[in-house]
């Protein structure tokens, strides 16, 4: 299986990627859509994190859920470092679709819009 090609500009870091270039079907729903998180990317300059999940995982009747979270700096006492983490568990933007191409288009629009906002 090939990963889904995405046009992501510089500044974004890919933390997790299991977003494949194949639509869900009876044959692949149990193994390719068995992880709830398919894609996780962040940009510390724009303080944004984008998560893509398939919900419910492994269910052909589920859908993609794309969420954007605002990041804030928080001290991690265990690691003794300051990290950027989601401000809260409620996304500032959410988009659902069964269409992989709609999700690709929305991800690419979001990352380009965030980079444009950063330059202002």
N, C-alpha and C. Protein backbone atom coordinates (compact mmCIF):
# COMPACT_ATOMS: atom_id res chain seq x y z
N UNK A 1 0.84 -1.20 0.00
CA UNK A 1 0.00 0.00 0.00
C UNK A 1 0.87 1.24 0.00
N UNK A 2 0.47 2.20 -0.81
CA UNK A 2 1.18 3.48 -0.86
C UNK A 2 0.50 4.48 0.06
N UNK A 3 1.33 5.30 0.71
CA UNK A 3 0.78 6.39 1.50
C UNK A 3 0.15 7.42 0.58
N UNK A 4 -0.88 8.08 1.06
CA UNK A 4 -1.55 9.12 0.30
C UNK A 4 -0.61 10.31 0.11
N UNK A 5 -0.31 10.68 -1.14
CA UNK A 5 0.51 11.87 -1.37
C UNK A 5 -0.25 13.12 -0.88
N UNK A 6 0.46 14.00 -0.20
CA UNK A 6 -0.11 15.25 0.29
C UNK A 6 0.86 16.39 0.00
N UNK A 7 0.33 17.52 -0.37
CA UNK A 7 1.16 18.72 -0.57
C UNK A 7 1.17 19.49 0.75
N UNK A 8 2.25 19.29 1.51
CA UNK A 8 2.38 19.93 2.82
C UNK A 8 3.60 20.83 2.77
N UNK A 9 3.42 22.14 2.99
CA UNK A 9 4.55 23.07 2.90
C UNK A 9 5.53 22.91 4.07
N UNK A 10 6.69 23.52 3.91
CA UNK A 10 7.71 23.50 4.97
C UNK A 10 7.13 24.06 6.26
N UNK A 11 7.65 23.57 7.36
CA UNK A 11 7.21 24.03 8.67
C UNK A 11 6.30 23.04 9.38
N UNK A 12 5.75 22.09 8.64
CA UNK A 12 4.88 21.08 9.22
C UNK A 12 5.69 19.83 9.52
N UNK A 13 5.41 19.23 10.67
CA UNK A 13 6.10 18.01 11.08
C UNK A 13 5.09 16.87 11.12
N UNK A 14 5.43 15.78 10.47
CA UNK A 14 4.57 14.59 10.46
C UNK A 14 4.95 13.73 11.67
N UNK A 15 4.00 13.52 12.57
CA UNK A 15 4.22 12.69 13.76
C UNK A 15 3.79 11.25 13.52
N UNK A 16 2.75 11.09 12.71
CA UNK A 16 2.16 9.77 12.49
C UNK A 16 1.50 9.78 11.14
N UNK A 17 1.73 8.74 10.32
CA UNK A 17 1.08 8.70 9.01
C UNK A 17 0.74 7.26 8.63
N UNK A 18 -0.54 6.96 8.68
CA UNK A 18 -1.09 5.70 8.19
C UNK A 18 -2.25 5.99 7.23
N UNK A 19 -2.16 7.14 6.57
CA UNK A 19 -3.19 7.57 5.63
C UNK A 19 -2.80 7.06 4.25
N UNK A 20 -3.49 6.00 3.81
CA UNK A 20 -3.14 5.32 2.57
C UNK A 20 -3.94 5.83 1.38
N UNK A 21 -3.38 5.60 0.22
CA UNK A 21 -3.96 6.02 -1.06
C UNK A 21 -4.98 4.99 -1.55
N UNK A 22 -5.88 4.62 -0.69
CA UNK A 22 -6.91 3.66 -1.06
C UNK A 22 -8.17 3.94 -0.26
N UNK A 23 -9.30 3.88 -0.92
CA UNK A 23 -10.57 4.06 -0.24
C UNK A 23 -10.90 2.80 0.56
N UNK A 24 -11.65 2.98 1.61
CA UNK A 24 -12.03 1.85 2.46
C UNK A 24 -12.98 0.92 1.70
N UNK A 25 -12.78 -0.38 1.92
CA UNK A 25 -13.66 -1.39 1.34
C UNK A 25 -13.71 -2.59 2.28
N UNK A 26 -14.48 -3.60 1.93
CA UNK A 26 -14.63 -4.79 2.79
C UNK A 26 -13.31 -5.48 3.07
N UNK A 27 -12.39 -5.46 2.11
CA UNK A 27 -11.12 -6.17 2.26
C UNK A 27 -10.13 -5.47 3.16
N UNK A 28 -10.12 -4.13 3.16
CA UNK A 28 -9.08 -3.42 3.91
C UNK A 28 -9.57 -2.74 5.18
N UNK A 29 -10.87 -2.76 5.47
CA UNK A 29 -11.39 -1.99 6.60
C UNK A 29 -10.86 -2.49 7.94
N UNK A 30 -10.56 -3.77 8.04
CA UNK A 30 -10.11 -4.29 9.34
C UNK A 30 -8.64 -4.05 9.62
N UNK A 31 -7.81 -3.94 8.58
CA UNK A 31 -6.39 -3.75 8.87
C UNK A 31 -5.88 -2.35 8.54
N UNK A 32 -6.32 -1.73 7.46
CA UNK A 32 -5.82 -0.40 7.12
C UNK A 32 -6.55 0.70 7.87
N UNK A 33 -7.73 0.42 8.36
CA UNK A 33 -8.50 1.42 9.10
C UNK A 33 -8.71 0.95 10.53
N UNK A 34 -7.76 0.12 11.03
CA UNK A 34 -7.88 -0.42 12.38
C UNK A 34 -7.24 0.50 13.42
N UNK A 35 -6.44 1.46 12.97
CA UNK A 35 -5.87 2.46 13.88
C UNK A 35 -6.79 3.67 13.85
N UNK A 36 -7.14 4.19 15.00
CA UNK A 36 -8.05 5.33 14.98
C UNK A 36 -7.37 6.57 14.41
N UNK A 37 -6.08 6.79 14.70
CA UNK A 37 -5.37 7.95 14.15
C UNK A 37 -4.65 7.56 12.88
N UNK A 38 -5.01 8.21 11.79
CA UNK A 38 -4.38 7.93 10.50
C UNK A 38 -3.26 8.92 10.18
N UNK A 39 -3.42 10.16 10.63
CA UNK A 39 -2.43 11.19 10.33
C UNK A 39 -2.40 12.20 11.47
N UNK A 40 -1.20 12.59 11.86
CA UNK A 40 -1.01 13.64 12.87
C UNK A 40 0.15 14.51 12.42
N UNK A 41 -0.14 15.80 12.19
CA UNK A 41 0.90 16.74 11.78
C UNK A 41 0.76 18.02 12.62
N UNK A 42 1.87 18.70 12.82
CA UNK A 42 1.80 19.95 13.57
C UNK A 42 2.77 20.97 13.00
N UNK A 43 2.48 22.22 13.33
CA UNK A 43 3.34 23.33 12.94
C UNK A 43 3.51 24.20 14.17
N UNK A 44 4.71 24.20 14.74
CA UNK A 44 4.95 24.96 15.98
C UNK A 44 5.01 26.46 15.73
N UNK A 45 5.23 26.88 14.48
CA UNK A 45 5.24 28.32 14.18
C UNK A 45 3.83 28.89 14.15
N UNK A 46 2.87 28.09 13.69
CA UNK A 46 1.49 28.56 13.65
C UNK A 46 0.69 28.04 14.84
N UNK A 47 1.32 27.20 15.66
CA UNK A 47 0.68 26.62 16.85
C UNK A 47 -0.58 25.83 16.50
N UNK A 48 -0.47 25.00 15.46
CA UNK A 48 -1.61 24.18 15.03
C UNK A 48 -1.21 22.72 14.95
N UNK A 49 -2.16 21.86 15.27
CA UNK A 49 -2.00 20.42 15.14
C UNK A 49 -3.21 19.91 14.37
N UNK A 50 -2.95 19.08 13.35
CA UNK A 50 -4.03 18.52 12.55
C UNK A 50 -4.03 17.00 12.74
N UNK A 51 -5.19 16.47 13.08
CA UNK A 51 -5.36 15.03 13.30
C UNK A 51 -6.42 14.51 12.34
N UNK A 52 -6.15 13.34 11.78
CA UNK A 52 -7.12 12.65 10.92
C UNK A 52 -7.38 11.28 11.52
N UNK A 53 -8.64 10.99 11.76
CA UNK A 53 -9.02 9.67 12.27
C UNK A 53 -10.08 9.05 11.37
N UNK A 54 -10.23 7.75 11.49
CA UNK A 54 -11.36 7.04 10.88
C UNK A 54 -12.18 6.54 12.05
N UNK A 55 -13.47 6.91 12.09
CA UNK A 55 -14.31 6.53 13.23
C UNK A 55 -15.64 5.99 12.76
N UNK A 56 -16.10 4.89 13.34
CA UNK A 56 -15.37 4.02 14.28
C UNK A 56 -14.30 3.21 13.53
N UNK A 57 -13.19 2.99 14.22
CA UNK A 57 -12.06 2.32 13.57
C UNK A 57 -12.46 0.91 13.14
N UNK A 58 -11.98 0.53 11.96
CA UNK A 58 -12.24 -0.80 11.41
C UNK A 58 -13.66 -1.00 10.92
N UNK A 59 -14.48 0.04 10.89
CA UNK A 59 -15.89 -0.07 10.49
C UNK A 59 -16.06 0.56 9.11
N UNK A 60 -16.48 -0.23 8.13
CA UNK A 60 -16.66 0.27 6.76
C UNK A 60 -17.71 1.38 6.70
N UNK A 61 -18.60 1.45 7.67
CA UNK A 61 -19.64 2.47 7.69
C UNK A 61 -19.20 3.75 8.40
N UNK A 62 -17.94 3.81 8.82
CA UNK A 62 -17.43 4.99 9.50
C UNK A 62 -17.12 6.11 8.52
N UNK A 63 -16.39 7.11 9.01
CA UNK A 63 -15.99 8.22 8.15
C UNK A 63 -14.69 8.83 8.65
N UNK A 64 -14.06 9.60 7.79
CA UNK A 64 -12.89 10.36 8.18
C UNK A 64 -13.34 11.53 9.04
N UNK A 65 -12.58 11.83 10.07
CA UNK A 65 -12.81 13.03 10.87
C UNK A 65 -11.49 13.78 10.93
N UNK A 66 -11.50 14.99 10.45
CA UNK A 66 -10.31 15.85 10.40
C UNK A 66 -10.51 16.95 11.43
N UNK A 67 -9.54 17.10 12.34
CA UNK A 67 -9.66 18.09 13.40
C UNK A 67 -8.39 18.93 13.51
N UNK A 68 -8.57 20.21 13.80
CA UNK A 68 -7.46 21.14 14.00
C UNK A 68 -7.51 21.61 15.45
N UNK A 69 -6.35 21.54 16.10
CA UNK A 69 -6.23 21.96 17.50
C UNK A 69 -5.22 23.10 17.60
N UNK A 70 -5.50 24.03 18.50
CA UNK A 70 -4.56 25.09 18.81
C UNK A 70 -3.56 24.57 19.85
N UNK A 71 -2.27 24.83 19.61
CA UNK A 71 -1.22 24.37 20.52
C UNK A 71 -0.77 25.48 21.45
N UNK A 72 -0.46 25.09 22.68
CA UNK A 72 0.12 26.01 23.66
C UNK A 72 1.35 25.37 24.26
N UNK A 73 2.22 26.20 24.84
CA UNK A 73 3.41 25.69 25.51
C UNK A 73 3.05 25.23 26.91
N UNK A 74 3.58 24.05 27.26
CA UNK A 74 3.32 23.50 28.59
C UNK A 74 4.58 22.78 29.05
N UNK A 75 4.93 22.99 30.30
CA UNK A 75 6.13 22.35 30.85
C UNK A 75 5.82 20.90 31.21
N UNK A 76 6.65 19.98 30.73
CA UNK A 76 6.53 18.56 31.05
C UNK A 76 7.56 18.26 32.12
N UNK A 77 7.11 18.13 33.36
CA UNK A 77 8.01 17.92 34.49
C UNK A 77 8.76 16.59 34.39
N UNK A 78 8.11 15.58 33.85
CA UNK A 78 8.74 14.27 33.73
C UNK A 78 9.93 14.32 32.77
N UNK A 79 9.74 14.98 31.62
CA UNK A 79 10.81 15.10 30.62
C UNK A 79 11.71 16.31 30.88
N UNK A 80 11.24 17.23 31.73
CA UNK A 80 11.95 18.47 32.06
C UNK A 80 12.18 19.34 30.82
N UNK A 81 11.12 19.42 30.01
CA UNK A 81 11.16 20.27 28.82
C UNK A 81 9.81 20.97 28.63
N UNK A 82 9.83 22.04 27.86
CA UNK A 82 8.59 22.70 27.49
C UNK A 82 8.17 22.16 26.13
N UNK A 83 6.91 21.73 26.05
CA UNK A 83 6.38 21.15 24.81
C UNK A 83 5.19 21.96 24.33
N UNK A 84 4.87 21.80 23.06
CA UNK A 84 3.63 22.38 22.54
C UNK A 84 2.61 21.26 22.50
N UNK A 85 1.49 21.50 23.18
CA UNK A 85 0.43 20.49 23.29
C UNK A 85 -0.92 21.16 22.98
N UNK A 86 -1.93 20.36 22.60
CA UNK A 86 -3.24 20.96 22.35
C UNK A 86 -3.76 21.71 23.58
N UNK A 87 -4.33 22.88 23.33
CA UNK A 87 -4.83 23.73 24.40
C UNK A 87 -5.95 23.02 25.18
N UNK A 88 -6.82 22.32 24.47
CA UNK A 88 -7.86 21.53 25.12
C UNK A 88 -8.29 20.42 24.17
N UNK A 89 -9.22 19.61 24.60
CA UNK A 89 -9.63 18.46 23.80
C UNK A 89 -10.71 18.80 22.77
N UNK A 90 -11.13 20.04 22.76
CA UNK A 90 -12.15 20.46 21.80
C UNK A 90 -11.45 21.11 20.60
N UNK A 91 -11.63 20.54 19.40
CA UNK A 91 -10.95 21.12 18.22
C UNK A 91 -11.52 22.49 17.87
N UNK A 92 -10.67 23.34 17.29
CA UNK A 92 -11.17 24.64 16.83
C UNK A 92 -11.81 24.52 15.45
N UNK A 93 -11.58 23.39 14.78
CA UNK A 93 -12.18 23.12 13.48
C UNK A 93 -12.34 21.61 13.34
N UNK A 94 -13.47 21.19 12.78
CA UNK A 94 -13.71 19.77 12.55
C UNK A 94 -14.43 19.60 11.21
N UNK A 95 -14.06 18.55 10.48
CA UNK A 95 -14.64 18.28 9.17
C UNK A 95 -14.77 16.77 9.03
N UNK A 96 -15.93 16.29 8.59
CA UNK A 96 -16.16 14.86 8.40
C UNK A 96 -16.50 14.56 6.95
N UNK A 97 -16.01 13.41 6.48
CA UNK A 97 -16.33 12.99 5.12
C UNK A 97 -16.02 11.51 4.96
N UNK A 98 -16.75 10.86 4.08
CA UNK A 98 -16.43 9.49 3.69
C UNK A 98 -15.46 9.47 2.51
N UNK A 99 -15.28 10.62 1.89
CA UNK A 99 -14.46 10.74 0.67
C UNK A 99 -13.00 11.03 1.01
N UNK A 100 -12.13 10.14 0.61
CA UNK A 100 -10.68 10.33 0.81
C UNK A 100 -10.22 11.58 0.08
N UNK A 101 -10.70 11.80 -1.14
CA UNK A 101 -10.26 12.98 -1.91
C UNK A 101 -10.72 14.28 -1.26
N UNK A 102 -11.91 14.31 -0.71
CA UNK A 102 -12.36 15.51 0.01
C UNK A 102 -11.45 15.80 1.20
N UNK A 103 -11.02 14.75 1.89
CA UNK A 103 -10.13 14.90 3.04
C UNK A 103 -8.76 15.40 2.58
N UNK A 104 -8.24 14.85 1.49
CA UNK A 104 -6.96 15.31 0.95
C UNK A 104 -7.05 16.80 0.62
N UNK A 105 -8.11 17.20 -0.08
CA UNK A 105 -8.29 18.60 -0.45
C UNK A 105 -8.36 19.50 0.79
N UNK A 106 -9.07 19.05 1.81
CA UNK A 106 -9.24 19.85 3.02
C UNK A 106 -7.92 19.97 3.78
N UNK A 107 -7.15 18.87 3.89
CA UNK A 107 -5.84 18.92 4.56
C UNK A 107 -4.94 19.93 3.85
N UNK A 108 -4.86 19.82 2.52
CA UNK A 108 -3.99 20.70 1.75
C UNK A 108 -4.42 22.16 1.87
N UNK A 109 -5.71 22.41 1.90
CA UNK A 109 -6.21 23.77 2.08
C UNK A 109 -5.86 24.29 3.48
N UNK A 110 -6.05 23.45 4.49
CA UNK A 110 -5.76 23.87 5.86
C UNK A 110 -4.28 24.22 6.07
N UNK A 111 -3.39 23.36 5.59
CA UNK A 111 -1.96 23.63 5.81
C UNK A 111 -1.50 24.85 5.02
N UNK A 112 -2.04 25.06 3.83
CA UNK A 112 -1.67 26.24 3.04
C UNK A 112 -2.25 27.51 3.69
N UNK A 113 -3.48 27.45 4.17
CA UNK A 113 -4.10 28.62 4.84
C UNK A 113 -3.35 28.98 6.11
N UNK A 114 -2.91 27.97 6.86
CA UNK A 114 -2.15 28.23 8.10
C UNK A 114 -0.83 28.91 7.79
N UNK A 115 -0.17 28.47 6.73
CA UNK A 115 1.12 29.07 6.35
C UNK A 115 0.92 30.52 5.87
N UNK A 116 -0.18 30.78 5.15
CA UNK A 116 -0.47 32.15 4.71
C UNK A 116 -0.74 33.04 5.92
N UNK A 117 -1.49 32.53 6.89
CA UNK A 117 -1.81 33.30 8.10
C UNK A 117 -0.54 33.62 8.89
N UNK A 118 0.40 32.69 8.90
CA UNK A 118 1.67 32.89 9.61
C UNK A 118 2.46 34.04 9.01
N UNK A 119 2.40 34.21 7.68
CA UNK A 119 3.19 35.23 6.99
C UNK A 119 2.65 36.65 7.19
N UNK A 120 1.39 36.75 7.62
CA UNK A 120 0.77 38.08 7.81
C UNK A 120 1.31 38.78 9.01
